[in-house]
PDB file of N, CA and C in Angstrom:
ATOM      1  N   MET A   1     104.198  78.527  92.421  1.00  0.00           N
ATOM      2  CA  MET A   1     102.815  78.105  92.435  1.00  0.00           C
ATOM      3  C   MET A   1     102.539  77.281  91.178  1.00  0.00           C
ATOM      4  N   ASP A   2     101.919  76.145  91.362  1.00  0.00           N
ATOM      5  CA  ASP A   2     101.547  75.303  90.237  1.00  0.00           C
ATOM      6  C   ASP A   2     100.129  75.638  89.781  1.00  0.00           C
ATOM      7  N   ILE A   3      99.991  75.894  88.501  1.00  0.00           N
ATOM      8  CA  ILE A   3      98.689  76.177  87.918  1.00  0.00           C
ATOM      9  C   ILE A   3      98.213  74.908  87.238  1.00  0.00           C
ATOM     10  N   GLU A   4      97.014  74.457  87.619  1.00  0.00           N
ATOM     11  CA  GLU A   4      96.477  73.207  87.092  1.00  0.00           C
ATOM     12  C   GLU A   4      95.036  73.401  86.640  1.00  0.00           C
ATOM     13  N   PRO A   5      94.590  72.624  85.642  1.00  0.00           N
ATOM     14  CA  PRO A   5      93.188  72.688  85.221  1.00  0.00           C
ATOM     15  C   PRO A   5      92.263  72.360  86.396  1.00  0.00           C
ATOM     16  N   GLY A   6      91.167  73.093  86.472  1.00  0.00           N
ATOM     17  CA  GLY A   6      90.193  72.885  87.534  1.00  0.00           C
ATOM     18  C   GLY A   6      90.305  73.878  88.671  1.00  0.00           C
ATOM     19  N   GLN A   7      91.431  74.593  88.772  1.00  0.00           N
ATOM     20  CA  GLN A   7      91.576  75.587  89.829  1.00  0.00           C
ATOM     21  C   GLN A   7      90.615  76.742  89.585  1.00  0.00           C
ATOM     22  N   ILE A   8      90.093  77.306  90.680  1.00  0.00           N
ATOM     23  CA  ILE A   8      89.164  78.431  90.588  1.00  0.00           C
ATOM     24  C   ILE A   8      89.803  79.640  91.257  1.00  0.00           C
ATOM     25  N   TYR A   9      89.716  80.776  90.589  1.00  0.00           N
ATOM     26  CA  TYR A   9      90.270  82.036  91.070  1.00  0.00           C
ATOM     27  C   TYR A   9      89.169  83.081  91.119  1.00  0.00           C
ATOM     28  N   ARG A  10      89.328  84.087  92.005  1.00  0.00           N
ATOM     29  CA  ARG A  10      88.387  85.207  92.049  1.00  0.00           C
ATOM     30  C   ARG A  10      89.139  86.497  91.749  1.00  0.00           C
ATOM     31  N   SER A  11      88.430  87.436  91.179  1.00  0.00           N
ATOM     32  CA  SER A  11      89.027  88.705  90.788  1.00  0.00           C
ATOM     33  C   SER A  11      89.419  89.515  92.014  1.00  0.00           C
ATOM     34  N   LEU A  12      90.551  90.213  91.921  1.00  0.00           N
ATOM     35  CA  LEU A  12      91.005  91.096  92.986  1.00  0.00           C
ATOM     36  C   LEU A  12      90.659  92.551  92.703  1.00  0.00           C
ATOM     37  N   ASP A  13      89.977  92.820  91.610  1.00  0.00           N
ATOM     38  CA  ASP A  13      89.609  94.181  91.233  1.00  0.00           C
ATOM     39  C   ASP A  13      88.550  94.708  92.199  1.00  0.00           C
ATOM     40  N   PRO A  14      88.836  95.775  92.947  1.00  0.00           N
ATOM     41  CA  PRO A  14      87.868  96.283  93.930  1.00  0.00           C
ATOM     42  C   PRO A  14      86.577  96.801  93.295  1.00  0.00           C
ATOM     43  N   ARG A  15      86.592  97.130  92.018  1.00  0.00           N
ATOM     44  CA  ARG A  15      85.379  97.633  91.357  1.00  0.00           C
ATOM     45  C   ARG A  15      84.316  96.546  91.229  1.00  0.00           C
ATOM     46  N   ASP A  16      84.714  95.278  91.237  1.00  0.00           N
ATOM     47  CA  ASP A  16      83.738  94.187  91.154  1.00  0.00           C
ATOM     48  C   ASP A  16      82.784  94.213  92.336  1.00  0.00           C
ATOM     49  N   GLU A  17      83.283  94.547  93.518  1.00  0.00           N
ATOM     50  CA  GLU A  17      82.434  94.614  94.711  1.00  0.00           C
ATOM     51  C   GLU A  17      81.472  95.802  94.636  1.00  0.00           C
ATOM     52  N   LEU A  18      81.916  96.896  94.029  1.00  0.00           N
ATOM     53  CA  LEU A  18      81.087  98.101  93.982  1.00  0.00           C
ATOM     54  C   LEU A  18      79.992  98.029  92.929  1.00  0.00           C
ATOM     55  N   TYR A  19      80.304  97.471  91.766  1.00  0.00           N
ATOM     56  CA  TYR A  19      79.386  97.559  90.640  1.00  0.00           C
ATOM     57  C   TYR A  19      78.781  96.236  90.200  1.00  0.00           C
ATOM     58  N   GLY A  20      79.161  95.151  90.814  1.00  0.00           N
ATOM     59  CA  GLY A  20      78.670  93.853  90.355  1.00  0.00           C
ATOM     60  C   GLY A  20      78.038  93.052  91.479  1.00  0.00           C
ATOM     61  N   ASP A  21      77.873  91.779  91.233  1.00  0.00           N
ATOM     62  CA  ASP A  21      77.302  90.861  92.212  1.00  0.00           C
ATOM     63  C   ASP A  21      78.400  90.163  92.999  1.00  0.00           C
ATOM     64  N   GLY A  22      79.492  90.819  93.205  1.00  0.00           N
ATOM     65  CA  GLY A  22      80.635  90.210  93.882  1.00  0.00           C
ATOM     66  C   GLY A  22      81.764  90.016  92.895  1.00  0.00           C
ATOM     67  N   PRO A  23      82.869  89.430  93.350  1.00  0.00           N
ATOM     68  CA  PRO A  23      84.027  89.268  92.457  1.00  0.00           C
ATOM     69  C   PRO A  23      83.765  88.254  91.347  1.00  0.00           C
ATOM     70  N   ARG A  24      84.329  88.553  90.184  1.00  0.00           N
ATOM     71  CA  ARG A  24      84.255  87.591  89.082  1.00  0.00           C
ATOM     72  C   ARG A  24      85.066  86.370  89.436  1.00  0.00           C
ATOM     73  N   ARG A  25      84.627  85.230  88.987  1.00  0.00           N
ATOM     74  CA  ARG A  25      85.352  83.992  89.231  1.00  0.00           C
ATOM     75  C   ARG A  25      85.710  83.369  87.899  1.00  0.00           C
ATOM     76  N   ILE A  26      86.911  82.797  87.841  1.00  0.00           N
ATOM     77  CA  ILE A  26      87.368  82.132  86.628  1.00  0.00           C
ATOM     78  C   ILE A  26      87.844  80.729  86.986  1.00  0.00           C
ATOM     79  N   LYS A  27      87.885  79.879  85.984  1.00  0.00           N
ATOM     80  CA  LYS A  27      88.348  78.509  86.174  1.00  0.00           C
ATOM     81  C   LYS A  27      89.408  78.211  85.125  1.00  0.00           C
ATOM     82  N   VAL A  28      90.501  77.610  85.546  1.00  0.00           N
ATOM     83  CA  VAL A  28      91.555  77.199  84.614  1.00  0.00           C
ATOM     84  C   VAL A  28      91.043  75.961  83.876  1.00  0.00           C
ATOM     85  N   VAL A  29      91.032  76.027  82.535  1.00  0.00           N
ATOM     86  CA  VAL A  29      90.501  74.909  81.750  1.00  0.00           C
ATOM     87  C   VAL A  29      91.549  74.259  80.855  1.00  0.00           C
ATOM     88  N   GLY A  30      92.772  74.745  80.889  1.00  0.00           N
ATOM     89  CA  GLY A  30      93.835  74.157  80.073  1.00  0.00           C
ATOM     90  C   GLY A  30      95.152  74.162  80.814  1.00  0.00           C
ATOM     91  N   GLN A  31      96.100  73.429  80.284  1.00  0.00           N
ATOM     92  CA  GLN A  31      97.443  73.399  80.856  1.00  0.00           C
ATOM     93  C   GLN A  31      98.171  74.704  80.507  1.00  0.00           C
ATOM     94  N   PRO A  32      98.985  75.239  81.422  1.00  0.00           N
ATOM     95  CA  PRO A  32      99.767  76.430  81.097  1.00  0.00           C
ATOM     96  C   PRO A  32     100.745  76.155  79.958  1.00  0.00           C
ATOM     97  N   VAL A  33     100.915  77.131  79.111  1.00  0.00           N
ATOM     98  CA  VAL A  33     101.886  77.062  78.022  1.00  0.00           C
ATOM     99  C   VAL A  33     102.979  78.068  78.359  1.00  0.00           C
ATOM    100  N   VAL A  34     104.155  77.563  78.718  1.00  0.00           N
ATOM    101  CA  VAL A  34     105.251  78.405  79.179  1.00  0.00           C
ATOM    102  C   VAL A  34     106.384  78.341  78.177  1.00  0.00           C
ATOM    103  N   ASP A  35     106.985  79.501  77.897  1.00  0.00           N
ATOM    104  CA  ASP A  35     108.143  79.554  77.010  1.00  0.00           C
ATOM    105  C   ASP A  35     109.348  78.967  77.734  1.00  0.00           C
ATOM    106  N   PRO A  36     110.078  78.043  77.113  1.00  0.00           N
ATOM    107  CA  PRO A  36     111.257  77.467  77.762  1.00  0.00           C
ATOM    108  C   PRO A  36     112.279  78.550  78.110  1.00  0.00           C
ATOM    109  N   GLY A  37     112.811  78.466  79.297  1.00  0.00           N
ATOM    110  CA  GLY A  37     113.825  79.429  79.722  1.00  0.00           C
ATOM    111  C   GLY A  37     113.258  80.727  80.258  1.00  0.00           C
ATOM    112  N   GLN A  38     111.960  80.907  80.203  1.00  0.00           N
ATOM    113  CA  GLN A  38     111.335  82.130  80.686  1.00  0.00           C
ATOM    114  C   GLN A  38     110.514  81.797  81.934  1.00  0.00           C
ATOM    115  N   HIS A  39     111.031  82.087  83.105  1.00  0.00           N
ATOM    116  CA  HIS A  39     110.342  81.771  84.354  1.00  0.00           C
ATOM    117  C   HIS A  39     109.099  82.650  84.504  1.00  0.00           C
ATOM    118  N   ASN A  40     107.951  82.016  84.705  1.00  0.00           N
ATOM    119  CA  ASN A  40     106.664  82.690  84.929  1.00  0.00           C
ATOM    120  C   ASN A  40     106.165  83.494  83.734  1.00  0.00           C
ATOM    121  N   PHE A  41     106.627  83.198  82.542  1.00  0.00           N
ATOM    122  CA  PHE A  41     106.094  83.863  81.362  1.00  0.00           C
ATOM    123  C   PHE A  41     105.375  82.815  80.530  1.00  0.00           C
ATOM    124  N   GLY A  42     104.127  83.054  80.297  1.00  0.00           N
ATOM    125  CA  GLY A  42     103.338  82.116  79.528  1.00  0.00           C
ATOM    126  C   GLY A  42     101.869  82.456  79.644  1.00  0.00           C
ATOM    127  N   LYS A  43     101.048  81.599  79.101  1.00  0.00           N
ATOM    128  CA  LYS A  43      99.604  81.823  79.112  1.00  0.00           C
ATOM    129  C   LYS A  43      98.904  80.552  79.536  1.00  0.00           C
ATOM    130  N   VAL A  44      97.667  80.720  79.981  1.00  0.00           N
ATOM    131  CA  VAL A  44      96.835  79.596  80.343  1.00  0.00           C
ATOM    132  C   VAL A  44      95.407  79.906  79.891  1.00  0.00           C
ATOM    133  N   GLN A  45      94.700  78.876  79.451  1.00  0.00           N
ATOM    134  CA  GLN A  45      93.319  79.069  79.008  1.00  0.00           C
ATOM    135  C   GLN A  45      92.400  79.014  80.216  1.00  0.00           C
ATOM    136  N   ILE A  46      91.473  80.002  80.295  1.00  0.00           N
ATOM    137  CA  ILE A  46      90.524  80.087  81.402  1.00  0.00           C
ATOM    138  C   ILE A  46      89.113  80.254  80.841  1.00  0.00           C
ATOM    139  N   ALA A  47      88.126  80.126  81.729  1.00  0.00           N
ATOM    140  CA  ALA A  47      86.731  80.409  81.391  1.00  0.00           C
ATOM    141  C   ALA A  47      86.130  81.158  82.569  1.00  0.00           C
ATOM    142  N   THR A  48      85.271  82.137  82.286  1.00  0.00           N
ATOM    143  CA  THR A  48      84.551  82.840  83.331  1.00  0.00           C
ATOM    144  C   THR A  48      83.457  81.932  83.863  1.00  0.00           C
ATOM    145  N   LEU A  49      83.271  81.922  85.185  1.00  0.00           N
ATOM    146  CA  LEU A  49      82.207  81.131  85.800  1.00  0.00           C
ATOM    147  C   LEU A  49      81.023  82.038  86.118  1.00  0.00           C
ATOM    148  N   THR A  50      79.820  81.615  85.744  1.00  0.00           N
ATOM    149  CA  THR A  50      78.615  82.362  86.077  1.00  0.00           C
ATOM    150  C   THR A  50      78.208  82.036  87.511  1.00  0.00           C
ATOM    151  N   GLN A  51      77.188  82.727  88.020  1.00  0.00           N
ATOM    152  CA  GLN A  51      76.708  82.480  89.380  1.00  0.00           C
ATOM    153  C   GLN A  51      76.257  81.037  89.575  1.00  0.00           C
ATOM    154  N   ASP A  52      75.707  80.425  88.507  1.00  0.00           N
ATOM    155  CA  ASP A  52      75.238  79.036  88.629  1.00  0.00           C
ATOM    156  C   ASP A  52      76.306  78.016  88.235  1.00  0.00           C
ATOM    157  N   GLY A  53      77.548  78.460  88.005  1.00  0.00           N
ATOM    158  CA  GLY A  53      78.659  77.551  87.761  1.00  0.00           C
ATOM    159  C   GLY A  53      78.940  77.201  86.309  1.00  0.00           C
ATOM    160  N   ARG A  54      78.206  77.810  85.365  1.00  0.00           N
ATOM    161  CA  ARG A  54      78.477  77.542  83.949  1.00  0.00           C
ATOM    162  C   ARG A  54      79.772  78.227  83.526  1.00  0.00           C
ATOM    163  N   GLU A  55      80.472  77.608  82.583  1.00  0.00           N
ATOM    164  CA  GLU A  55      81.706  78.178  82.040  1.00  0.00           C
ATOM    165  C   GLU A  55      81.366  78.934  80.760  1.00  0.00           C
ATOM    166  N   ILE A  56      81.706  80.210  80.724  1.00  0.00           N
ATOM    167  CA  ILE A  56      81.473  81.042  79.538  1.00  0.00           C
ATOM    168  C   ILE A  56      82.756  81.814  79.231  1.00  0.00           C
ATOM    169  N   ARG A  57      82.799  82.425  78.078  1.00  0.00           N
ATOM    170  CA  ARG A  57      83.884  83.331  77.660  1.00  0.00           C
ATOM    171  C   ARG A  57      85.273  82.742  77.878  1.00  0.00           C
ATOM    172  N   ARG A  58      85.580  81.700  77.133  1.00  0.00           N
ATOM    173  CA  ARG A  58      86.926  81.114  77.194  1.00  0.00           C
ATOM    174  C   ARG A  58      87.928  82.057  76.539  1.00  0.00           C
ATOM    175  N   ARG A  59      89.098  82.135  77.166  1.00  0.00           N
ATOM    176  CA  ARG A  59      90.155  83.010  76.639  1.00  0.00           C
ATOM    177  C   ARG A  59      91.473  82.633  77.307  1.00  0.00           C
ATOM    178  N   GLN A  60      92.545  83.268  76.896  1.00  0.00           N
ATOM    179  CA  GLN A  60      93.851  83.042  77.510  1.00  0.00           C
ATOM    180  C   GLN A  60      94.245  84.283  78.300  1.00  0.00           C
ATOM    181  N   VAL A  61      94.922  84.062  79.420  1.00  0.00           N
ATOM    182  CA  VAL A  61      95.482  85.159  80.212  1.00  0.00           C
ATOM    183  C   VAL A  61      96.933  84.827  80.521  1.00  0.00           C
ATOM    184  N   ASN A  62      97.701  85.856  80.822  1.00  0.00           N
ATOM    185  CA  ASN A  62      99.087  85.642  81.256  1.00  0.00           C
ATOM    186  C   ASN A  62      99.072  84.987  82.626  1.00  0.00           C
ATOM    187  N   ILE A  63      99.959  84.025  82.831  1.00  0.00           N
ATOM    188  CA  ILE A  63      99.974  83.337  84.120  1.00  0.00           C
ATOM    189  C   ILE A  63     100.430  84.259  85.245  1.00  0.00           C
ATOM    190  N   THR A  64     101.023  85.384  84.929  1.00  0.00           N
ATOM    191  CA  THR A  64     101.416  86.342  85.965  1.00  0.00           C
ATOM    192  C   THR A  64     100.204  87.012  86.596  1.00  0.00           C
ATOM    193  N   GLN A  65      99.011  86.855  86.009  1.00  0.00           N
ATOM    194  CA  GLN A  65      97.790  87.430  86.569  1.00  0.00           C
ATOM    195  C   GLN A  65      97.156  86.534  87.631  1.00  0.00           C
ATOM    196  N   LEU A  66      97.654  85.313  87.789  1.00  0.00           N
ATOM    197  CA  LEU A  66      97.103  84.355  88.745  1.00  0.00           C
ATOM    198  C   LEU A  66      97.991  84.311  89.983  1.00  0.00           C
ATOM    199  N   HIS A  67      97.396  84.552  91.156  1.00  0.00           N
ATOM    200  CA  HIS A  67      98.159  84.684  92.393  1.00  0.00           C
ATOM    201  C   HIS A  67      97.685  83.690  93.448  1.00  0.00           C
ATOM    202  N   ALA A  68      98.605  83.206  94.265  1.00  0.00           N
ATOM    203  CA  ALA A  68      98.274  82.296  95.360  1.00  0.00           C
ATOM    204  C   ALA A  68      98.052  83.051  96.671  1.00  0.00           C
ATOM    205  N   LYS A  69      98.591  84.262  96.793  1.00  0.00           N
ATOM    206  CA  LYS A  69      98.492  85.048  98.023  1.00  0.00           C
ATOM    207  C   LYS A  69      97.843  86.396  97.739  1.00  0.00           C
ATOM    208  N   PRO A  70      97.057  86.929  98.697  1.00  0.00           N
ATOM    209  CA  PRO A  70      96.380  88.211  98.479  1.00  0.00           C
ATOM    210  C   PRO A  70      97.269  89.439  98.620  1.00  0.00           C
ATOM    211  N   VAL A  71      98.538  89.234  99.006  1.00  0.00           N
ATOM    212  CA  VAL A  71      99.460  90.361  99.150  1.00  0.00           C
ATOM    213  C   VAL A  71     100.647  90.188  98.214  1.00  0.00           C
ATOM    214  N   GLY A  72     101.212  91.307  97.809  1.00  0.00           N
ATOM    215  CA  GLY A  72     102.375  91.280  96.928  1.00  0.00           C
ATOM    216  C   GLY A  72     103.667  91.147  97.714  1.00  0.00           C
ATOM    217  N   LYS A  73     104.796  91.244  97.010  1.00  0.00           N
ATOM    218  CA  LYS A  73     106.111  91.104  97.644  1.00  0.00           C
ATOM    219  C   LYS A  73     106.367  92.178  98.694  1.00  0.00           C
ATOM    220  N   ASN A  74     105.814  93.371  98.485  1.00  0.00           N
ATOM    221  CA  ASN A  74     106.045  94.469  99.427  1.00  0.00           C
ATOM    222  C   ASN A  74     105.053  94.466 100.588  1.00  0.00           C
ATOM    223  N   GLY A  75     104.142  93.498 100.640  1.00  0.00           N
ATOM    224  CA  GLY A  75     103.207  93.382 101.746  1.00  0.00           C
ATOM    225  C   GLY A  75     101.889  94.103 101.566  1.00  0.00           C
ATOM    226  N   SER A  76     101.747  94.851 100.478  1.00  0.00           N
ATOM    227  CA  SER A  76     100.476  95.555 100.251  1.00  0.00           C
ATOM    228  C   SER A  76      99.482  94.637  99.538  1.00  0.00           C
ATOM    229  N   ALA A  77      98.205  94.925  99.731  1.00  0.00           N
ATOM    230  CA  ALA A  77      97.147  94.111  99.137  1.00  0.00           C
ATOM    231  C   ALA A  77      97.165  94.239  97.618  1.00  0.00           C
ATOM    232  N   ARG A  78      96.971  93.129  96.952  1.00  0.00           N
ATOM    233  CA  ARG A  78      96.889  93.148  95.480  1.00  0.00           C
ATOM    234  C   ARG A  78      95.567  93.765  95.058  1.00  0.00           C
ATOM    235  N   ARG A  79      95.580  94.523  93.964  1.00  0.00           N
ATOM    236  CA  ARG A  79      94.375  95.165  93.464  1.00  0.00           C
ATOM    237  C   ARG A  79      94.070  94.766  92.025  1.00  0.00           C
ATOM    238  N   SER A  80      94.851  93.841  91.504  1.00  0.00           N
ATOM    239  CA  SER A  80      94.605  93.371  90.136  1.00  0.00           C
ATOM    240  C   SER A  80      94.946  91.888  90.054  1.00  0.00           C
ATOM    241  N   GLY A  81      94.456  91.263  89.022  1.00  0.00           N
ATOM    242  CA  GLY A  81      94.710  89.848  88.834  1.00  0.00           C
ATOM    243  C   GLY A  81      93.637  89.000  89.508  1.00  0.00           C
ATOM    244  N   TYR A  82      93.990  87.739  89.750  1.00  0.00           N
ATOM    245  CA  TYR A  82      93.048  86.771  90.306  1.00  0.00           C
ATOM    246  C   TYR A  82      93.716  85.997  91.435  1.00  0.00           C
ATOM    247  N   LEU A  83      92.967  85.746  92.512  1.00  0.00           N
ATOM    248  CA  LEU A  83      93.461  85.041  93.693  1.00  0.00           C
ATOM    249  C   LEU A  83      92.900  83.633  93.726  1.00  0.00           C
ATOM    250  N   LEU A  84      93.747  82.664  93.999  1.00  0.00           N
ATOM    251  CA  LEU A  84      93.347  81.261  94.054  1.00  0.00           C
ATOM    252  C   LEU A  84      92.339  81.034  95.165  1.00  0.00           C
ATOM    253  N   GLU A  85      91.184  80.427  94.815  1.00  0.00           N
ATOM    254  CA  GLU A  85      90.171  80.055  95.812  1.00  0.00           C
ATOM    255  C   GLU A  85      90.323  78.600  96.193  1.00  0.00           C
ATOM    256  N   LYS A  86      90.321  77.713  95.186  1.00  0.00           N
ATOM    257  CA  LYS A  86      90.464  76.275  95.436  1.00  0.00           C
ATOM    258  C   LYS A  86      90.996  75.579  94.229  1.00  0.00           C
TER     259      LYS A  86
END
């Protein structure tokens, strides 16, 4: 999966649906920084998106937290990390 600036992800944490206004959404705002020779190990800068689309709380996360599919390798639903929306 290619991670690019501008991509939007939503949280897979089931507690967001119970206690919040829906899943948290984040936006990739920087290029991934990957260690040479280390497949899928690195970080990317993101920002939390508010309901009205503003970017707040910039930070870095491990790129292993960003997923393209809602299920893992074993076929069970993911319960952590972020799922690609667009």
